PDB file of N, CA and C in Angstrom:
ATOM      1  N   MET A   1      65.104  81.138   0.489  1.00  0.00           N
ATOM      2  CA  MET A   1      64.347  82.302   0.101  1.00  0.00           C
ATOM      3  C   MET A   1      62.970  81.863  -0.403  1.00  0.00           C
ATOM      4  N   LYS A   2      61.949  82.467   0.120  1.00  0.00           N
ATOM      5  CA  LYS A   2      60.582  82.146  -0.290  1.00  0.00           C
ATOM      6  C   LYS A   2      60.240  82.924  -1.560  1.00  0.00           C
ATOM      7  N   ILE A   3      59.675  82.208  -2.500  1.00  0.00           N
ATOM      8  CA  ILE A   3      59.274  82.825  -3.767  1.00  0.00           C
ATOM      9  C   ILE A   3      57.825  83.278  -3.636  1.00  0.00           C
ATOM     10  N   SER A   4      57.546  84.494  -4.059  1.00  0.00           N
ATOM     11  CA  SER A   4      56.187  85.031  -3.953  1.00  0.00           C
ATOM     12  C   SER A   4      55.260  84.374  -4.985  1.00  0.00           C
ATOM     13  N   ASN A   5      53.980  84.471  -4.704  1.00  0.00           N
ATOM     14  CA  ASN A   5      52.983  83.967  -5.655  1.00  0.00           C
ATOM     15  C   ASN A   5      53.129  84.655  -7.006  1.00  0.00           C
ATOM     16  N   LYS A   6      53.375  85.956  -6.971  1.00  0.00           N
ATOM     17  CA  LYS A   6      53.534  86.714  -8.220  1.00  0.00           C
ATOM     18  C   LYS A   6      54.713  86.173  -9.024  1.00  0.00           C
ATOM     19  N   GLU A   7      55.827  85.883  -8.356  1.00  0.00           N
ATOM     20  CA  GLU A   7      57.000  85.338  -9.054  1.00  0.00           C
ATOM     21  C   GLU A   7      56.705  83.948  -9.609  1.00  0.00           C
ATOM     22  N   ARG A   8      55.957  83.163  -8.878  1.00  0.00           N
ATOM     23  CA  ARG A   8      55.598  81.826  -9.371  1.00  0.00           C
ATOM     24  C   ARG A   8      54.710  81.932 -10.616  1.00  0.00           C
ATOM     25  N   ILE A   9      53.771  82.861 -10.601  1.00  0.00           N
ATOM     26  CA  ILE A   9      52.914  83.070 -11.773  1.00  0.00           C
ATOM     27  C   ILE A   9      53.768  83.495 -12.967  1.00  0.00           C
ATOM     28  N   LYS A  10      54.706  84.391 -12.746  1.00  0.00           N
ATOM     29  CA  LYS A  10      55.605  84.817 -13.830  1.00  0.00           C
ATOM     30  C   LYS A  10      56.395  83.634 -14.376  1.00  0.00           C
ATOM     31  N   LYS A  11      56.864  82.752 -13.486  1.00  0.00           N
ATOM     32  CA  LYS A  11      57.608  81.573 -13.938  1.00  0.00           C
ATOM     33  C   LYS A  11      56.730  80.663 -14.791  1.00  0.00           C
ATOM     34  N   ILE A  12      55.483  80.512 -14.390  1.00  0.00           N
ATOM     35  CA  ILE A  12      54.550  79.687 -15.175  1.00  0.00           C
ATOM     36  C   ILE A  12      54.368  80.290 -16.569  1.00  0.00           C
ATOM     37  N   VAL A  13      54.121  81.576 -16.623  1.00  0.00           N
ATOM     38  CA  VAL A  13      53.912  82.265 -17.897  1.00  0.00           C
ATOM     39  C   VAL A  13      55.151  82.134 -18.776  1.00  0.00           C
ATOM     40  N   ASN A  14      56.321  82.349 -18.206  1.00  0.00           N
ATOM     41  CA  ASN A  14      57.573  82.265 -18.975  1.00  0.00           C
ATOM     42  C   ASN A  14      57.874  80.845 -19.437  1.00  0.00           C
ATOM     43  N   THR A  15      57.607  79.875 -18.581  1.00  0.00           N
ATOM     44  CA  THR A  15      57.839  78.476 -18.965  1.00  0.00           C
ATOM     45  C   THR A  15      56.916  78.082 -20.102  1.00  0.00           C
ATOM     46  N   TRP A  16      55.663  78.487 -20.031  1.00  0.00           N
ATOM     47  CA  TRP A  16      54.714  78.193 -21.104  1.00  0.00           C
ATOM     48  C   TRP A  16      55.148  78.861 -22.408  1.00  0.00           C
ATOM     49  N   ALA A  17      55.594  80.110 -22.336  1.00  0.00           N
ATOM     50  CA  ALA A  17      56.053  80.810 -23.543  1.00  0.00           C
ATOM     51  C   ALA A  17      57.255  80.091 -24.149  1.00  0.00           C
ATOM     52  N   SER A  18      58.161  79.636 -23.315  1.00  0.00           N
ATOM     53  CA  SER A  18      59.330  78.901 -23.811  1.00  0.00           C
ATOM     54  C   SER A  18      58.924  77.585 -24.460  1.00  0.00           C
ATOM     55  N   LEU A  19      57.989  76.895 -23.834  1.00  0.00           N
ATOM     56  CA  LEU A  19      57.528  75.628 -24.411  1.00  0.00           C
ATOM     57  C   LEU A  19      56.849  75.864 -25.754  1.00  0.00           C
ATOM     58  N   GLN A  20      56.013  76.870 -25.843  1.00  0.00           N
ATOM     59  CA  GLN A  20      55.360  77.176 -27.122  1.00  0.00           C
ATOM     60  C   GLN A  20      56.399  77.472 -28.208  1.00  0.00           C
ATOM     61  N   LYS A  21      57.429  78.208 -27.850  1.00  0.00           N
ATOM     62  CA  LYS A  21      58.488  78.530 -28.802  1.00  0.00           C
ATOM     63  C   LYS A  21      59.175  77.249 -29.290  1.00  0.00           C
ATOM     64  N   GLN A  22      59.476  76.353 -28.362  1.00  0.00           N
ATOM     65  CA  GLN A  22      60.144  75.096 -28.734  1.00  0.00           C
ATOM     66  C   GLN A  22      59.240  74.221 -29.594  1.00  0.00           C
ATOM     67  N   ILE A  23      57.962  74.211 -29.287  1.00  0.00           N
ATOM     68  CA  ILE A  23      57.013  73.427 -30.088  1.00  0.00           C
ATOM     69  C   ILE A  23      57.024  73.928 -31.531  1.00  0.00           C
ATOM     70  N   LYS A  24      57.007  75.238 -31.702  1.00  0.00           N
ATOM     71  CA  LYS A  24      57.030  75.809 -33.057  1.00  0.00           C
ATOM     72  C   LYS A  24      58.357  75.557 -33.758  1.00  0.00           C
ATOM     73  N   GLU A  25      59.458  75.810 -33.057  1.00  0.00           N
ATOM     74  CA  GLU A  25      60.782  75.644 -33.669  1.00  0.00           C
ATOM     75  C   GLU A  25      61.068  74.204 -34.079  1.00  0.00           C
ATOM     76  N   HIS A  26      60.530  73.252 -33.324  1.00  0.00           N
ATOM     77  CA  HIS A  26      60.813  71.838 -33.611  1.00  0.00           C
ATOM     78  C   HIS A  26      59.639  71.143 -34.298  1.00  0.00           C
ATOM     79  N   ASN A  27      58.688  71.960 -34.752  1.00  0.00           N
ATOM     80  CA  ASN A  27      57.541  71.431 -35.498  1.00  0.00           C
ATOM     81  C   ASN A  27      56.862  70.260 -34.785  1.00  0.00           C
ATOM     82  N   ILE A  28      56.645  70.419 -33.492  1.00  0.00           N
ATOM     83  CA  ILE A  28      55.957  69.385 -32.736  1.00  0.00           C
ATOM     84  C   ILE A  28      54.459  69.567 -32.957  1.00  0.00           C
ATOM     85  N   THR A  29      53.886  68.586 -33.585  1.00  0.00           N
ATOM     86  CA  THR A  29      52.456  68.592 -33.882  1.00  0.00           C
ATOM     87  C   THR A  29      51.739  67.662 -32.913  1.00  0.00           C
ATOM     88  N   ARG A  30      50.427  67.676 -32.985  1.00  0.00           N
ATOM     89  CA  ARG A  30      49.633  66.746 -32.180  1.00  0.00           C
ATOM     90  C   ARG A  30      50.052  65.300 -32.476  1.00  0.00           C
ATOM     91  N   GLU A  31      50.154  65.003 -33.745  1.00  0.00           N
ATOM     92  CA  GLU A  31      50.478  63.643 -34.164  1.00  0.00           C
ATOM     93  C   GLU A  31      51.868  63.230 -33.680  1.00  0.00           C
ATOM     94  N   LEU A  32      52.825  64.142 -33.795  1.00  0.00           N
ATOM     95  CA  LEU A  32      54.188  63.838 -33.354  1.00  0.00           C
ATOM     96  C   LEU A  32      54.226  63.614 -31.847  1.00  0.00           C
ATOM     97  N   LEU A  33      53.515  64.429 -31.104  1.00  0.00           N
ATOM     98  CA  LEU A  33      53.505  64.296 -29.653  1.00  0.00           C
ATOM     99  C   LEU A  33      52.894  62.962 -29.208  1.00  0.00           C
ATOM    100  N   LEU A  34      51.977  62.451 -29.982  1.00  0.00           N
ATOM    101  CA  LEU A  34      51.372  61.155 -29.654  1.00  0.00           C
ATOM    102  C   LEU A  34      52.341  59.993 -29.825  1.00  0.00           C
ATOM    103  N   SER A  35      53.325  60.149 -30.705  1.00  0.00           N
ATOM    104  CA  SER A  35      54.139  58.989 -31.067  1.00  0.00           C
ATOM    105  C   SER A  35      55.639  59.134 -30.876  1.00  0.00           C
ATOM    106  N   ASP A  36      56.151  60.327 -30.774  1.00  0.00           N
ATOM    107  CA  ASP A  36      57.596  60.535 -30.755  1.00  0.00           C
ATOM    108  C   ASP A  36      58.105  60.734 -29.327  1.00  0.00           C
ATOM    109  N   GLU A  37      58.929  59.815 -28.890  1.00  0.00           N
ATOM    110  CA  GLU A  37      59.424  59.840 -27.513  1.00  0.00           C
ATOM    111  C   GLU A  37      60.217  61.102 -27.201  1.00  0.00           C
ATOM    112  N   PHE A  38      61.044  61.566 -28.126  1.00  0.00           N
ATOM    113  CA  PHE A  38      61.826  62.779 -27.867  1.00  0.00           C
ATOM    114  C   PHE A  38      60.918  63.992 -27.679  1.00  0.00           C
ATOM    115  N   SER A  39      59.896  64.108 -28.502  1.00  0.00           N
ATOM    116  CA  SER A  39      58.932  65.208 -28.350  1.00  0.00           C
ATOM    117  C   SER A  39      58.206  65.111 -27.018  1.00  0.00           C
ATOM    118  N   GLN A  40      57.870  63.905 -26.623  1.00  0.00           N
ATOM    119  CA  GLN A  40      57.210  63.703 -25.339  1.00  0.00           C
ATOM    120  C   GLN A  40      58.110  64.152 -24.191  1.00  0.00           C
ATOM    121  N   TRP A  41      59.368  63.800 -24.255  1.00  0.00           N
ATOM    122  CA  TRP A  41      60.308  64.230 -23.216  1.00  0.00           C
ATOM    123  C   TRP A  41      60.447  65.751 -23.209  1.00  0.00           C
ATOM    124  N   ALA A  42      60.499  66.337 -24.398  1.00  0.00           N
ATOM    125  CA  ALA A  42      60.683  67.786 -24.503  1.00  0.00           C
ATOM    126  C   ALA A  42      59.505  68.556 -23.899  1.00  0.00           C
ATOM    127  N   VAL A  43      58.319  68.017 -24.016  1.00  0.00           N
ATOM    128  CA  VAL A  43      57.120  68.689 -23.522  1.00  0.00           C
ATOM    129  C   VAL A  43      56.893  68.404 -22.031  1.00  0.00           C
ATOM    130  N   THR A  44      57.298  67.239 -21.589  1.00  0.00           N
ATOM    131  CA  THR A  44      57.021  66.820 -20.217  1.00  0.00           C
ATOM    132  C   THR A  44      57.688  67.712 -19.174  1.00  0.00           C
ATOM    133  N   THR A  45      58.952  68.008 -19.336  1.00  0.00           N
ATOM    134  CA  THR A  45      59.657  68.786 -18.317  1.00  0.00           C
ATOM    135  C   THR A  45      59.033  70.156 -18.082  1.00  0.00           C
ATOM    136  N   PRO A  46      58.757  70.954 -19.111  1.00  0.00           N
ATOM    137  CA  PRO A  46      58.099  72.232 -18.843  1.00  0.00           C
ATOM    138  C   PRO A  46      56.729  72.070 -18.191  1.00  0.00           C
ATOM    139  N   LEU A  47      55.974  71.045 -18.582  1.00  0.00           N
ATOM    140  CA  LEU A  47      54.660  70.839 -17.975  1.00  0.00           C
ATOM    141  C   LEU A  47      54.766  70.516 -16.497  1.00  0.00           C
ATOM    142  N   TYR A  48      55.730  69.674 -16.138  1.00  0.00           N
ATOM    143  CA  TYR A  48      55.806  69.402 -14.700  1.00  0.00           C
ATOM    144  C   TYR A  48      56.434  70.549 -13.935  1.00  0.00           C
ATOM    145  N   ASN A  49      57.235  71.369 -14.591  1.00  0.00           N
ATOM    146  CA  ASN A  49      57.720  72.587 -13.931  1.00  0.00           C
ATOM    147  C   ASN A  49      56.560  73.551 -13.661  1.00  0.00           C
ATOM    148  N   ILE A  50      55.668  73.687 -14.622  1.00  0.00           N
ATOM    149  CA  ILE A  50      54.479  74.529 -14.434  1.00  0.00           C
ATOM    150  C   ILE A  50      53.629  73.968 -13.289  1.00  0.00           C
ATOM    151  N   GLY A  51      53.405  72.673 -13.297  1.00  0.00           N
ATOM    152  CA  GLY A  51      52.620  72.046 -12.244  1.00  0.00           C
ATOM    153  C   GLY A  51      53.229  72.223 -10.871  1.00  0.00           C
ATOM    154  N   GLU A  52      54.538  72.170 -10.786  1.00  0.00           N
ATOM    155  CA  GLU A  52      55.217  72.371  -9.505  1.00  0.00           C
ATOM    156  C   GLU A  52      55.040  73.800  -9.008  1.00  0.00           C
ATOM    157  N   GLN A  53      55.135  74.763  -9.910  1.00  0.00           N
ATOM    158  CA  GLN A  53      54.922  76.157  -9.508  1.00  0.00           C
ATOM    159  C   GLN A  53      53.490  76.352  -9.012  1.00  0.00           C
ATOM    160  N   VAL A  54      52.533  75.747  -9.682  1.00  0.00           N
ATOM    161  CA  VAL A  54      51.133  75.833  -9.242  1.00  0.00           C
ATOM    162  C   VAL A  54      50.984  75.203  -7.864  1.00  0.00           C
ATOM    163  N   TYR A  55      51.570  74.044  -7.685  1.00  0.00           N
ATOM    164  CA  TYR A  55      51.490  73.339  -6.407  1.00  0.00           C
ATOM    165  C   TYR A  55      52.050  74.180  -5.261  1.00  0.00           C
ATOM    166  N   MET A  56      53.101  74.941  -5.548  1.00  0.00           N
ATOM    167  CA  MET A  56      53.779  75.725  -4.520  1.00  0.00           C
ATOM    168  C   MET A  56      53.127  77.081  -4.239  1.00  0.00           C
ATOM    169  N   LEU A  57      52.138  77.472  -5.020  1.00  0.00           N
ATOM    170  CA  LEU A  57      51.402  78.703  -4.712  1.00  0.00           C
ATOM    171  C   LEU A  57      50.746  78.554  -3.343  1.00  0.00           C
ATOM    172  N   SER A  58      50.612  79.651  -2.642  1.00  0.00           N
ATOM    173  CA  SER A  58      49.997  79.569  -1.318  1.00  0.00           C
ATOM    174  C   SER A  58      48.534  79.136  -1.432  1.00  0.00           C
ATOM    175  N   ASN A  59      48.079  78.426  -0.417  1.00  0.00           N
ATOM    176  CA  ASN A  59      46.672  77.999  -0.387  1.00  0.00           C
ATOM    177  C   ASN A  59      45.741  79.193  -0.380  1.00  0.00           C
ATOM    178  N   GLU A  60      46.125  80.257   0.306  1.00  0.00           N
ATOM    179  CA  GLU A  60      45.299  81.463   0.359  1.00  0.00           C
ATOM    180  C   GLU A  60      45.125  82.059  -1.036  1.00  0.00           C
ATOM    181  N   PHE A  61      46.214  82.085  -1.796  1.00  0.00           N
ATOM    182  CA  PHE A  61      46.180  82.616  -3.155  1.00  0.00           C
ATOM    183  C   PHE A  61      45.248  81.786  -4.030  1.00  0.00           C
ATOM    184  N   LYS A  62      45.376  80.472  -3.938  1.00  0.00           N
ATOM    185  CA  LYS A  62      44.524  79.600  -4.747  1.00  0.00           C
ATOM    186  C   LYS A  62      43.053  79.710  -4.326  1.00  0.00           C
ATOM    187  N   LYS A  63      42.812  79.800  -3.033  1.00  0.00           N
ATOM    188  CA  LYS A  63      41.433  79.940  -2.552  1.00  0.00           C
ATOM    189  C   LYS A  63      40.825  81.282  -2.968  1.00  0.00           C
ATOM    190  N   ALA A  64      41.664  82.304  -3.076  1.00  0.00           N
ATOM    191  CA  ALA A  64      41.182  83.627  -3.493  1.00  0.00           C
ATOM    192  C   ALA A  64      40.847  83.673  -4.979  1.00  0.00           C
ATOM    193  N   ASN A  65      41.286  82.653  -5.722  1.00  0.00           N
ATOM    194  CA  ASN A  65      41.046  82.573  -7.173  1.00  0.00           C
ATOM    195  C   ASN A  65      40.480  81.194  -7.504  1.00  0.00           C
ATOM    196  N   PRO A  66      39.278  80.903  -7.015  1.00  0.00           N
ATOM    197  CA  PRO A  66      38.734  79.551  -7.125  1.00  0.00           C
ATOM    198  C   PRO A  66      38.296  79.127  -8.528  1.00  0.00           C
ATOM    199  N   ASP A  67      38.178  80.065  -9.448  1.00  0.00           N
ATOM    200  CA  ASP A  67      37.746  79.718 -10.806  1.00  0.00           C
ATOM    201  C   ASP A  67      38.871  79.128 -11.659  1.00  0.00           C
ATOM    202  N   ILE A  68      40.071  79.162 -11.134  1.00  0.00           N
ATOM    203  CA  ILE A  68      41.226  78.649 -11.881  1.00  0.00           C
ATOM    204  C   ILE A  68      41.459  77.196 -11.456  1.00  0.00           C
ATOM    205  N   PRO A  69      41.663  76.297 -12.425  1.00  0.00           N
ATOM    206  CA  PRO A  69      41.776  74.865 -12.110  1.00  0.00           C
ATOM    207  C   PRO A  69      43.157  74.476 -11.549  1.00  0.00           C
ATOM    208  N   TRP A  70      43.487  75.016 -10.387  1.00  0.00           N
ATOM    209  CA  TRP A  70      44.804  74.775  -9.779  1.00  0.00           C
ATOM    210  C   TRP A  70      45.083  73.284  -9.589  1.00  0.00           C
ATOM    211  N   SER A  71      44.124  72.572  -9.035  1.00  0.00           N
ATOM    212  CA  SER A  71      44.368  71.163  -8.709  1.00  0.00           C
ATOM    213  C   SER A  71      44.547  70.306  -9.960  1.00  0.00           C
ATOM    214  N   VAL A  72      43.915  70.698 -11.046  1.00  0.00           N
ATOM    215  CA  VAL A  72      44.066  69.948 -12.300  1.00  0.00           C
ATOM    216  C   VAL A  72      45.509  70.074 -12.812  1.00  0.00           C
ATOM    217  N   VAL A  73      46.049  71.285 -12.768  1.00  0.00           N
ATOM    218  CA  VAL A  73      47.409  71.519 -13.282  1.00  0.00           C
ATOM    219  C   VAL A  73      48.445  70.890 -12.358  1.00  0.00           C
ATOM    220  N   SER A  74      48.288  71.049 -11.059  1.00  0.00           N
ATOM    221  CA  SER A  74      49.260  70.427 -10.163  1.00  0.00           C
ATOM    222  C   SER A  74      49.111  68.908 -10.186  1.00  0.00           C
ATOM    223  N   GLY A  75      47.892  68.412 -10.382  1.00  0.00           N
ATOM    224  CA  GLY A  75      47.679  66.978 -10.502  1.00  0.00           C
ATOM    225  C   GLY A  75      48.340  66.399 -11.747  1.00  0.00           C
ATOM    226  N   LEU A  76      48.340  67.175 -12.814  1.00  0.00           N
ATOM    227  CA  LEU A  76      49.024  66.743 -14.033  1.00  0.00           C
ATOM    228  C   LEU A  76      50.511  66.564 -13.761  1.00  0.00           C
ATOM    229  N   ARG A  77      51.082  67.484 -13.015  1.00  0.00           N
ATOM    230  CA  ARG A  77      52.505  67.383 -12.658  1.00  0.00           C
ATOM    231  C   ARG A  77      52.779  66.084 -11.907  1.00  0.00           C
ATOM    232  N   HIS A  78      51.949  65.774 -10.927  1.00  0.00           N
ATOM    233  CA  HIS A  78      52.148  64.556 -10.146  1.00  0.00           C
ATOM    234  C   HIS A  78      52.049  63.317 -11.031  1.00  0.00           C
ATOM    235  N   ARG A  79      51.123  63.339 -11.966  1.00  0.00           N
ATOM    236  CA  ARG A  79      50.961  62.213 -12.884  1.00  0.00           C
ATOM    237  C   ARG A  79      52.183  62.060 -13.778  1.00  0.00           C
ATOM    238  N   LEU A  80      52.675  63.178 -14.306  1.00  0.00           N
ATOM    239  CA  LEU A  80      53.838  63.137 -15.192  1.00  0.00           C
ATOM    240  C   LEU A  80      55.080  62.621 -14.467  1.00  0.00           C
ATOM    241  N   VAL A  81      55.250  63.032 -13.240  1.00  0.00           N
ATOM    242  CA  VAL A  81      56.444  62.665 -12.487  1.00  0.00           C
ATOM    243  C   VAL A  81      56.356  61.249 -11.926  1.00  0.00           C
ATOM    244  N   HIS A  82      55.205  60.887 -11.381  1.00  0.00           N
ATOM    245  CA  HIS A  82      55.113  59.637 -10.638  1.00  0.00           C
ATOM    246  C   HIS A  82      54.510  58.464 -11.409  1.00  0.00           C
ATOM    247  N   ASP A  83      53.893  58.740 -12.547  1.00  0.00           N
ATOM    248  CA  ASP A  83      53.276  57.650 -13.318  1.00  0.00           C
ATOM    249  C   ASP A  83      53.607  57.809 -14.794  1.00  0.00           C
ATOM    250  N   TYR A  84      54.872  58.057 -15.089  1.00  0.00           N
ATOM    251  CA  TYR A  84      55.279  58.338 -16.464  1.00  0.00           C
ATOM    252  C   TYR A  84      54.869  57.225 -17.418  1.00  0.00           C
ATOM    253  N   GLU A  85      54.992  55.999 -16.993  1.00  0.00           N
ATOM    254  CA  GLU A  85      54.647  54.866 -17.863  1.00  0.00           C
ATOM    255  C   GLU A  85      53.148  54.810 -18.153  1.00  0.00           C
ATOM    256  N   GLY A  86      52.340  55.416 -17.296  1.00  0.00           N
ATOM    257  CA  GLY A  86      50.897  55.355 -17.467  1.00  0.00           C
ATOM    258  C   GLY A  86      50.295  56.591 -18.113  1.00  0.00           C
ATOM    259  N   ILE A  87      51.126  57.441 -18.685  1.00  0.00           N
ATOM    260  CA  ILE A  87      50.623  58.684 -19.266  1.00  0.00           C
ATOM    261  C   ILE A  87      49.774  58.401 -20.505  1.00  0.00           C
ATOM    262  N   ASN A  88      48.632  59.041 -20.549  1.00  0.00           N
ATOM    263  CA  ASN A  88      47.768  58.984 -21.718  1.00  0.00           C
ATOM    264  C   ASN A  88      48.141  60.198 -22.576  1.00  0.00           C
ATOM    265  N   TRP A  89      48.879  59.970 -23.638  1.00  0.00           N
ATOM    266  CA  TRP A  89      49.398  61.074 -24.448  1.00  0.00           C
ATOM    267  C   TRP A  89      48.305  61.838 -25.175  1.00  0.00           C
ATOM    268  N   SER A  90      47.153  61.223 -25.365  1.00  0.00           N
ATOM    269  CA  SER A  90      46.023  61.955 -25.957  1.00  0.00           C
ATOM    270  C   SER A  90      45.597  63.097 -25.038  1.00  0.00           C
ATOM    271  N   ILE A  91      45.640  62.839 -23.734  1.00  0.00           N
ATOM    272  CA  ILE A  91      45.297  63.894 -22.773  1.00  0.00           C
ATOM    273  C   ILE A  91      46.351  64.990 -22.790  1.00  0.00           C
ATOM    274  N   ILE A  92      47.602  64.620 -22.851  1.00  0.00           N
ATOM    275  CA  ILE A  92      48.686  65.614 -22.877  1.00  0.00           C
ATOM    276  C   ILE A  92      48.575  66.471 -24.137  1.00  0.00           C
ATOM    277  N   VAL A  93      48.244  65.858 -25.256  1.00  0.00           N
ATOM    278  CA  VAL A  93      48.047  66.605 -26.503  1.00  0.00           C
ATOM    279  C   VAL A  93      46.938  67.640 -26.313  1.00  0.00           C
ATOM    280  N   GLU A  94      45.830  67.254 -25.706  1.00  0.00           N
ATOM    281  CA  GLU A  94      44.738  68.197 -25.447  1.00  0.00           C
ATOM    282  C   GLU A  94      45.192  69.332 -24.539  1.00  0.00           C
ATOM    283  N   VAL A  95      45.930  68.987 -23.502  1.00  0.00           N
ATOM    284  CA  VAL A  95      46.424  70.000 -22.566  1.00  0.00           C
ATOM    285  C   VAL A  95      47.316  70.999 -23.303  1.00  0.00           C
ATOM    286  N   VAL A  96      48.276  70.493 -24.050  1.00  0.00           N
ATOM    287  CA  VAL A  96      49.259  71.355 -24.717  1.00  0.00           C
ATOM    288  C   VAL A  96      48.620  72.188 -25.822  1.00  0.00           C
ATOM    289  N   PHE A  97      47.794  71.578 -26.637  1.00  0.00           N
ATOM    290  CA  PHE A  97      47.288  72.278 -27.820  1.00  0.00           C
ATOM    291  C   PHE A  97      45.915  72.942 -27.633  1.00  0.00           C
ATOM    292  N   ASP A  98      45.184  72.571 -26.569  1.00  0.00           N
ATOM    293  CA  ASP A  98      43.834  73.100 -26.416  1.00  0.00           C
ATOM    294  C   ASP A  98      43.567  73.823 -25.092  1.00  0.00           C
ATOM    295  N   GLU A  99      44.249  73.447 -24.031  1.00  0.00           N
ATOM    296  CA  GLU A  99      43.843  73.933 -22.719  1.00  0.00           C
ATOM    297  C   GLU A  99      44.842  74.852 -22.018  1.00  0.00           C
ATOM    298  N   MET A 100      46.113  74.623 -22.191  1.00  0.00           N
ATOM    299  CA  MET A 100      47.106  75.359 -21.407  1.00  0.00           C
ATOM    300  C   MET A 100      47.122  76.853 -21.721  1.00  0.00           C
ATOM    301  N   ASP A 101      46.888  77.205 -22.958  1.00  0.00           N
ATOM    302  CA  ASP A 101      46.838  78.626 -23.326  1.00  0.00           C
ATOM    303  C   ASP A 101      45.791  79.380 -22.505  1.00  0.00           C
ATOM    304  N   ASP A 102      44.602  78.790 -22.375  1.00  0.00           N
ATOM    305  CA  ASP A 102      43.538  79.428 -21.604  1.00  0.00           C
ATOM    306  C   ASP A 102      43.922  79.554 -20.136  1.00  0.00           C
ATOM    307  N   PHE A 103      44.528  78.500 -19.595  1.00  0.00           N
ATOM    308  CA  PHE A 103      44.972  78.540 -18.198  1.00  0.00           C
ATOM    309  C   PHE A 103      45.970  79.677 -17.983  1.00  0.00           C
ATOM    310  N   VAL A 104      46.949  79.777 -18.860  1.00  0.00           N
ATOM    311  CA  VAL A 104      47.979  80.806 -18.708  1.00  0.00           C
ATOM    312  C   VAL A 104      47.376  82.205 -18.861  1.00  0.00           C
ATOM    313  N   LYS A 105      46.447  82.372 -19.785  1.00  0.00           N
ATOM    314  CA  LYS A 105      45.779  83.674 -19.931  1.00  0.00           C
ATOM    315  C   LYS A 105      45.020  84.043 -18.670  1.00  0.00           C
ATOM    316  N   MET A 106      44.395  83.065 -18.027  1.00  0.00           N
ATOM    317  CA  MET A 106      43.673  83.348 -16.792  1.00  0.00           C
ATOM    318  C   MET A 106      44.621  83.799 -15.680  1.00  0.00           C
ATOM    319  N   ILE A 107      45.751  83.134 -15.560  1.00  0.00           N
ATOM    320  CA  ILE A 107      46.635  83.477 -14.449  1.00  0.00           C
ATOM    321  C   ILE A 107      47.467  84.727 -14.725  1.00  0.00           C
ATOM    322  N   GLU A 108      47.697  85.043 -16.004  1.00  0.00           N
ATOM    323  CA  GLU A 108      48.425  86.276 -16.335  1.00  0.00           C
ATOM    324  C   GLU A 108      47.724  87.487 -15.755  1.00  0.00           C
ATOM    325  N   LYS A 109      46.413  87.430 -15.699  1.00  0.00           N
ATOM    326  CA  LYS A 109      45.627  88.554 -15.158  1.00  0.00           C
ATOM    327  C   LYS A 109      45.877  88.758 -13.672  1.00  0.00           C
ATOM    328  N   LEU A 110      46.471  87.763 -13.018  1.00  0.00           N
ATOM    329  CA  LEU A 110      46.704  87.849 -11.578  1.00  0.00           C
ATOM    330  C   LEU A 110      48.034  88.518 -11.224  1.00  0.00           C
ATOM    331  N   ILE A 111      48.827  88.817 -12.238  1.00  0.00           N
ATOM    332  CA  ILE A 111      50.136  89.457 -11.978  1.00  0.00           C
ATOM    333  C   ILE A 111      49.927  90.919 -11.651  1.00  0.00           C
TER     334      ILE A 111
END
């Protein structure tokens, strides 16, 4: 069964909301994410799930919305999955605490 772009966007929004909830419930801070392996694992899976959903959006959909950094988010997924040992956690901290909210707000408007 093919998943629509709209359903993929909803999955991204829901996954981000779930991750934010877990971050709050488990008191994951910037500092903790930089140093705590369990927190890193907890954050990584939702991020690569979001990246996979972005990657699977149709090319036409992404081209119709060129102001959204699709390749950056899907590229993050590839980095998390294929180069786990080389992850720069400072970048992940910025993504989680500074950038992902804006990305999700931009794509929510597309539903």
